[in-house]
């Protein structure tokens, strides 16, 4: 059974979405060192990337869909 998303996870996911310069560029560019770095470490080491995946249902390196509401 999956645990409910906590307020702390929501805050971490929002940081990843709006403030993390590495993740922001990785989502925008979809190539290069930042993209590779985020894609390689997000699930294993970064708690912000993990929270982003739980809250938004996609990995931190994946582009934000244009139809997604801006948080």
C-alpha atoms as a PDB file:
ATOM      1  CA  UNK A   1       0.000   0.000   0.000  1.00  0.00           C
ATOM      2  CA  UNK A   2       1.339   3.395  -0.951  1.00  0.00           C
ATOM      3  CA  UNK A   3       1.928   5.997   1.735  1.00  0.00           C
ATOM      4  CA  UNK A   4       0.136   9.357   1.455  1.00  0.00           C
ATOM      5  CA  UNK A   5       2.153  12.305   0.180  1.00  0.00           C
ATOM      6  CA  UNK A   6       3.365  14.482   3.044  1.00  0.00           C
ATOM      7  CA  UNK A   7       3.651  18.269   3.203  1.00  0.00           C
ATOM      8  CA  UNK A   8       7.434  17.921   3.322  1.00  0.00           C
ATOM      9  CA  UNK A   9       7.395  15.932   0.067  1.00  0.00           C
ATOM     10  CA  UNK A  10       5.198  18.590  -1.547  1.00  0.00           C
ATOM     11  CA  UNK A  11       7.677  21.298  -0.497  1.00  0.00           C
ATOM     12  CA  UNK A  12      10.609  19.289  -1.824  1.00  0.00           C
ATOM     13  CA  UNK A  13       8.808  18.639  -5.116  1.00  0.00           C
ATOM     14  CA  UNK A  14       7.998  22.332  -5.484  1.00  0.00           C
ATOM     15  CA  UNK A  15      11.668  23.195  -4.932  1.00  0.00           C
ATOM     16  CA  UNK A  16      12.656  20.707  -7.638  1.00  0.00           C
ATOM     17  CA  UNK A  17      10.062  22.169 -10.014  1.00  0.00           C
ATOM     18  CA  UNK A  18      10.632  25.885  -9.444  1.00  0.00           C
ATOM     19  CA  UNK A  19      14.056  26.452  -7.889  1.00  0.00           C
ATOM     20  CA  UNK A  20      16.535  23.655  -8.614  1.00  0.00           C
ATOM     21  CA  UNK A  21      18.737  25.039 -11.417  1.00  0.00           C
ATOM     22  CA  UNK A  22      19.982  21.601 -12.450  1.00  0.00           C
ATOM     23  CA  UNK A  23      16.554  19.961 -12.714  1.00  0.00           C
ATOM     24  CA  UNK A  24      14.983  22.986 -14.403  1.00  0.00           C
ATOM     25  CA  UNK A  25      17.614  22.999 -17.174  1.00  0.00           C
ATOM     26  CA  UNK A  26      17.423  19.213 -17.537  1.00  0.00           C
ATOM     27  CA  UNK A  27      13.661  19.442 -18.110  1.00  0.00           C
ATOM     28  CA  UNK A  28      14.031  22.344 -20.558  1.00  0.00           C
ATOM     29  CA  UNK A  29      16.973  21.122 -22.652  1.00  0.00           C
ATOM     30  CA  UNK A  30      16.433  17.330 -22.588  1.00  0.00           C
ATOM     31  CA  UNK A  31      20.141  16.826 -23.377  1.00  0.00           C
ATOM     32  CA  UNK A  32      23.606  17.517 -22.073  1.00  0.00           C
ATOM     33  CA  UNK A  33      25.394  16.943 -18.786  1.00  0.00           C
ATOM     34  CA  UNK A  34      22.585  18.225 -16.528  1.00  0.00           C
ATOM     35  CA  UNK A  35      20.048  15.964 -18.218  1.00  0.00           C
ATOM     36  CA  UNK A  36      22.343  12.938 -17.887  1.00  0.00           C
ATOM     37  CA  UNK A  37      23.152  13.823 -14.267  1.00  0.00           C
ATOM     38  CA  UNK A  38      19.526  14.200 -13.185  1.00  0.00           C
ATOM     39  CA  UNK A  39      18.458  11.108 -15.095  1.00  0.00           C
ATOM     40  CA  UNK A  40      21.258   9.076 -13.510  1.00  0.00           C
ATOM     41  CA  UNK A  41      20.990  10.157  -9.860  1.00  0.00           C
ATOM     42  CA  UNK A  42      17.388  11.264  -9.324  1.00  0.00           C
ATOM     43  CA  UNK A  43      15.933   8.001  -8.126  1.00  0.00           C
ATOM     44  CA  UNK A  44      18.874   6.901  -6.077  1.00  0.00           C
ATOM     45  CA  UNK A  45      20.247   9.888  -4.218  1.00  0.00           C
ATOM     46  CA  UNK A  46      18.270  13.106  -4.417  1.00  0.00           C
ATOM     47  CA  UNK A  47      15.321  13.390  -1.997  1.00  0.00           C
ATOM     48  CA  UNK A  48      13.953  16.343  -3.999  1.00  0.00           C
ATOM     49  CA  UNK A  49      13.869  14.326  -7.221  1.00  0.00           C
ATOM     50  CA  UNK A  50      12.225  11.430  -5.395  1.00  0.00           C
ATOM     51  CA  UNK A  51       9.586  13.763  -3.961  1.00  0.00           C
ATOM     52  CA  UNK A  52       9.004  15.292  -7.413  1.00  0.00           C
ATOM     53  CA  UNK A  53       8.340  11.836  -8.852  1.00  0.00           C
ATOM     54  CA  UNK A  54       5.880  10.947  -6.081  1.00  0.00           C
ATOM     55  CA  UNK A  55       3.974  14.245  -6.193  1.00  0.00           C
ATOM     56  CA  UNK A  56       3.848  14.855  -9.962  1.00  0.00           C
ATOM     57  CA  UNK A  57       3.869  11.273 -11.216  1.00  0.00           C
ATOM     58  CA  UNK A  58       6.821  11.745 -13.565  1.00  0.00           C
ATOM     59  CA  UNK A  59      10.577  11.680 -13.147  1.00  0.00           C
ATOM     60  CA  UNK A  60      12.477  14.917 -12.524  1.00  0.00           C
ATOM     61  CA  UNK A  61      14.211  14.919 -15.918  1.00  0.00           C
ATOM     62  CA  UNK A  62      11.004  14.466 -17.919  1.00  0.00           C
ATOM     63  CA  UNK A  63       9.595  17.618 -19.502  1.00  0.00           C
ATOM     64  CA  UNK A  64       6.544  19.251 -17.957  1.00  0.00           C
ATOM     65  CA  UNK A  65       3.519  18.638 -20.217  1.00  0.00           C
ATOM     66  CA  UNK A  66       2.103  21.834 -21.679  1.00  0.00           C
ATOM     67  CA  UNK A  67      -1.357  20.848 -20.461  1.00  0.00           C
ATOM     68  CA  UNK A  68      -0.136  20.521 -16.861  1.00  0.00           C
ATOM     69  CA  UNK A  69      -1.314  23.262 -14.521  1.00  0.00           C
ATOM     70  CA  UNK A  70       1.447  25.511 -13.215  1.00  0.00           C
ATOM     71  CA  UNK A  71       1.842  25.124  -9.459  1.00  0.00           C
END
